[in-house]
Amino acid sequence: MSADAARRVKRKGSKATRHPVPASQAIAELMTALGIDKTLRKFSVLTAWSDVVGEQIARVTEPDRIENGVLYVRVTTAPWRAELSMKRFDILKKVNRAAGADVVKDIRFR
């Protein structure tokens, strides 16, 4: 339980009462407590790829995996690979903005 969550619990005898919190906050705290928040953010990067890069780039690419902060993306042709390599930092910013955290440190197009 986070420190904020612990502060919201008031002890009265043997009963504990909690102040209501938004469901989104409760879920976020649960994900953090379970240690799956980073994994879910990585998954969100892979699933939101086409929304982040747009339809044209999504047609010629496929995100493969994130390993040690590096997003590996398969590209259909060498010219597209060269073009995307030049746009790597812009795409990196968009990916991390969509994830809500700096999940990806670098992108490798293959």
C-alpha atoms as a PDB file:
ATOM      1  CA  MET A   1       0.000   0.000   0.000  1.00  0.00           C
ATOM      2  CA  SER A   2       1.368   3.430  -0.879  1.00  0.00           C
ATOM      3  CA  ALA A   3       2.035   6.072   1.745  1.00  0.00           C
ATOM      4  CA  ASP A   4      -0.947   8.094   0.493  1.00  0.00           C
ATOM      5  CA  ALA A   5      -3.207   5.068   0.766  1.00  0.00           C
ATOM      6  CA  ALA A   6      -1.903   4.344   4.255  1.00  0.00           C
ATOM      7  CA  ARG A   7      -2.670   7.913   5.341  1.00  0.00           C
ATOM      8  CA  ARG A   8      -6.255   7.577   4.167  1.00  0.00           C
ATOM      9  CA  VAL A   9      -6.860   4.646   6.503  1.00  0.00           C
ATOM     10  CA  LYS A  10      -8.004   5.721   9.969  1.00  0.00           C
ATOM     11  CA  ARG A  11      -7.928   3.196  12.754  1.00  0.00           C
ATOM     12  CA  LYS A  12     -10.894   3.157  15.152  1.00  0.00           C
ATOM     13  CA  GLY A  13     -10.579   0.234  17.469  1.00  0.00           C
ATOM     14  CA  SER A  14     -10.334  -2.846  15.256  1.00  0.00           C
ATOM     15  CA  LYS A  15     -12.173  -1.326  12.302  1.00  0.00           C
ATOM     16  CA  ALA A  16     -10.474   0.558   9.497  1.00  0.00           C
ATOM     17  CA  THR A  17     -12.348   3.168   7.530  1.00  0.00           C
ATOM     18  CA  ARG A  18     -11.183   4.481   4.168  1.00  0.00           C
ATOM     19  CA  HIS A  19     -11.935   7.694   2.419  1.00  0.00           C
ATOM     20  CA  PRO A  20     -13.262   7.128  -1.083  1.00  0.00           C
ATOM     21  CA  VAL A  21     -10.756   7.547  -3.902  1.00  0.00           C
ATOM     22  CA  PRO A  22     -11.326   7.621  -7.659  1.00  0.00           C
ATOM     23  CA  ALA A  23     -11.273   4.167  -9.251  1.00  0.00           C
ATOM     24  CA  SER A  24      -8.440   5.195 -11.585  1.00  0.00           C
ATOM     25  CA  GLN A  25      -6.267   6.107  -8.596  1.00  0.00           C
ATOM     26  CA  ALA A  26      -7.094   2.863  -6.797  1.00  0.00           C
ATOM     27  CA  ILE A  27      -6.228   0.833  -9.899  1.00  0.00           C
ATOM     28  CA  ALA A  28      -2.970   2.738 -10.390  1.00  0.00           C
ATOM     29  CA  GLU A  29      -2.006   2.096  -6.760  1.00  0.00           C
ATOM     30  CA  LEU A  30      -2.870  -1.593  -7.123  1.00  0.00           C
ATOM     31  CA  MET A  31      -0.780  -1.939 -10.297  1.00  0.00           C
ATOM     32  CA  THR A  32       2.160  -0.283  -8.562  1.00  0.00           C
ATOM     33  CA  ALA A  33       1.758  -2.464  -5.470  1.00  0.00           C
ATOM     34  CA  LEU A  34       1.685  -5.591  -7.640  1.00  0.00           C
ATOM     35  CA  GLY A  35       4.708  -4.381  -9.606  1.00  0.00           C
ATOM     36  CA  ILE A  36       2.969  -4.614 -12.978  1.00  0.00           C
ATOM     37  CA  ASP A  37       2.669  -0.932 -13.834  1.00  0.00           C
ATOM     38  CA  LYS A  38       5.868  -0.877 -15.928  1.00  0.00           C
ATOM     39  CA  THR A  39       4.871  -4.032 -17.786  1.00  0.00           C
ATOM     40  CA  LEU A  40       1.466  -2.575 -18.605  1.00  0.00           C
ATOM     41  CA  ARG A  41       3.043   0.656 -19.855  1.00  0.00           C
ATOM     42  CA  LYS A  42       5.330  -1.356 -22.146  1.00  0.00           C
ATOM     43  CA  PHE A  43       2.353  -3.305 -23.428  1.00  0.00           C
ATOM     44  CA  SER A  44       0.476  -0.062 -24.070  1.00  0.00           C
ATOM     45  CA  VAL A  45       3.366   1.154 -26.261  1.00  0.00           C
ATOM     46  CA  LEU A  46       3.080  -1.940 -28.441  1.00  0.00           C
ATOM     47  CA  THR A  47      -0.696  -1.858 -28.706  1.00  0.00           C
ATOM     48  CA  ALA A  48      -0.953   1.892 -29.376  1.00  0.00           C
ATOM     49  CA  TRP A  49       1.779   1.908 -32.024  1.00  0.00           C
ATOM     50  CA  SER A  50      -0.493   2.698 -34.991  1.00  0.00           C
ATOM     51  CA  ASP A  51      -2.217   5.527 -33.095  1.00  0.00           C
ATOM     52  CA  VAL A  52       1.146   7.023 -32.132  1.00  0.00           C
ATOM     53  CA  VAL A  53       2.927   6.856 -35.504  1.00  0.00           C
ATOM     54  CA  GLY A  54      -0.059   7.172 -37.822  1.00  0.00           C
ATOM     55  CA  GLU A  55      -1.566   4.954 -40.476  1.00  0.00           C
ATOM     56  CA  GLN A  56       1.136   5.390 -43.124  1.00  0.00           C
ATOM     57  CA  ILE A  57       4.038   4.376 -40.884  1.00  0.00           C
ATOM     58  CA  ALA A  58       1.982   1.671 -39.185  1.00  0.00           C
ATOM     59  CA  ARG A  59       1.433  -0.008 -42.574  1.00  0.00           C
ATOM     60  CA  VAL A  60       5.170  -0.525 -43.066  1.00  0.00           C
ATOM     61  CA  THR A  61       6.190  -1.249 -39.476  1.00  0.00           C
ATOM     62  CA  GLU A  62       5.417  -3.621 -36.645  1.00  0.00           C
ATOM     63  CA  PRO A  63       6.605  -3.119 -33.065  1.00  0.00           C
ATOM     64  CA  ASP A  64       8.254  -6.320 -31.909  1.00  0.00           C
ATOM     65  CA  ARG A  65       9.305  -5.966 -28.267  1.00  0.00           C
ATOM     66  CA  ILE A  66      10.788  -3.707 -25.627  1.00  0.00           C
ATOM     67  CA  GLU A  67      13.988  -4.995 -24.057  1.00  0.00           C
ATOM     68  CA  ASN A  68      16.082  -3.012 -21.577  1.00  0.00           C
ATOM     69  CA  GLY A  69      14.334   0.197 -22.603  1.00  0.00           C
ATOM     70  CA  VAL A  70      14.884  -0.380 -26.334  1.00  0.00           C
ATOM     71  CA  LEU A  71      11.860  -0.683 -28.629  1.00  0.00           C
ATOM     72  CA  TYR A  72      12.553  -3.008 -31.561  1.00  0.00           C
ATOM     73  CA  VAL A  73      10.450  -2.304 -34.642  1.00  0.00           C
ATOM     74  CA  ARG A  74      10.333  -4.390 -37.831  1.00  0.00           C
ATOM     75  CA  VAL A  75      10.288  -2.339 -41.040  1.00  0.00           C
ATOM     76  CA  THR A  76       9.294  -3.711 -44.451  1.00  0.00           C
ATOM     77  CA  THR A  77      11.891  -1.895 -46.614  1.00  0.00           C
ATOM     78  CA  ALA A  78      15.348  -0.359 -46.285  1.00  0.00           C
ATOM     79  CA  PRO A  79      14.245   3.113 -47.483  1.00  0.00           C
ATOM     80  CA  TRP A  80      11.561   3.214 -44.793  1.00  0.00           C
ATOM     81  CA  ARG A  81      14.099   2.006 -42.225  1.00  0.00           C
ATOM     82  CA  ALA A  82      16.406   4.902 -43.161  1.00  0.00           C
ATOM     83  CA  GLU A  83      13.551   7.434 -43.055  1.00  0.00           C
ATOM     84  CA  LEU A  84      12.331   6.233 -39.663  1.00  0.00           C
ATOM     85  CA  SER A  85      15.844   6.196 -38.237  1.00  0.00           C
ATOM     86  CA  MET A  86      16.067   9.914 -39.003  1.00  0.00           C
ATOM     87  CA  LYS A  87      12.715  10.490 -37.247  1.00  0.00           C
ATOM     88  CA  ARG A  88      13.634   8.247 -34.311  1.00  0.00           C
ATOM     89  CA  PHE A  89      13.735  10.965 -31.647  1.00  0.00           C
ATOM     90  CA  ASP A  90      10.377  12.452 -32.656  1.00  0.00           C
ATOM     91  CA  ILE A  91       8.782   9.000 -32.581  1.00  0.00           C
ATOM     92  CA  LEU A  92      10.457   8.286 -29.240  1.00  0.00           C
ATOM     93  CA  LYS A  93       8.890  11.404 -27.701  1.00  0.00           C
ATOM     94  CA  LYS A  94       5.448  10.482 -29.044  1.00  0.00           C
ATOM     95  CA  VAL A  95       5.739   6.903 -27.755  1.00  0.00           C
ATOM     96  CA  ASN A  96       6.692   7.990 -24.239  1.00  0.00           C
ATOM     97  CA  ARG A  97       4.010  10.686 -24.187  1.00  0.00           C
ATOM     98  CA  ALA A  98       1.392   8.070 -25.125  1.00  0.00           C
ATOM     99  CA  ALA A  99       2.698   5.702 -22.426  1.00  0.00           C
ATOM    100  CA  GLY A 100       2.620   8.433 -19.798  1.00  0.00           C
ATOM    101  CA  ALA A 101       6.209   7.726 -18.748  1.00  0.00           C
ATOM    102  CA  ASP A 102       9.695   7.290 -20.188  1.00  0.00           C
ATOM    103  CA  VAL A 103       9.238   3.611 -20.943  1.00  0.00           C
ATOM    104  CA  VAL A 104      11.393   3.620 -24.094  1.00  0.00           C
ATOM    105  CA  LYS A 105      14.935   5.012 -24.108  1.00  0.00           C
ATOM    106  CA  ASP A 106      15.791   4.164 -27.736  1.00  0.00           C
ATOM    107  CA  ILE A 107      14.197   2.707 -30.869  1.00  0.00           C
ATOM    108  CA  ARG A 108      15.885   0.276 -33.248  1.00  0.00           C
ATOM    109  CA  PHE A 109      14.397  -0.225 -36.675  1.00  0.00           C
ATOM    110  CA  ARG A 110      15.182  -3.598 -38.281  1.00  0.00           C
END
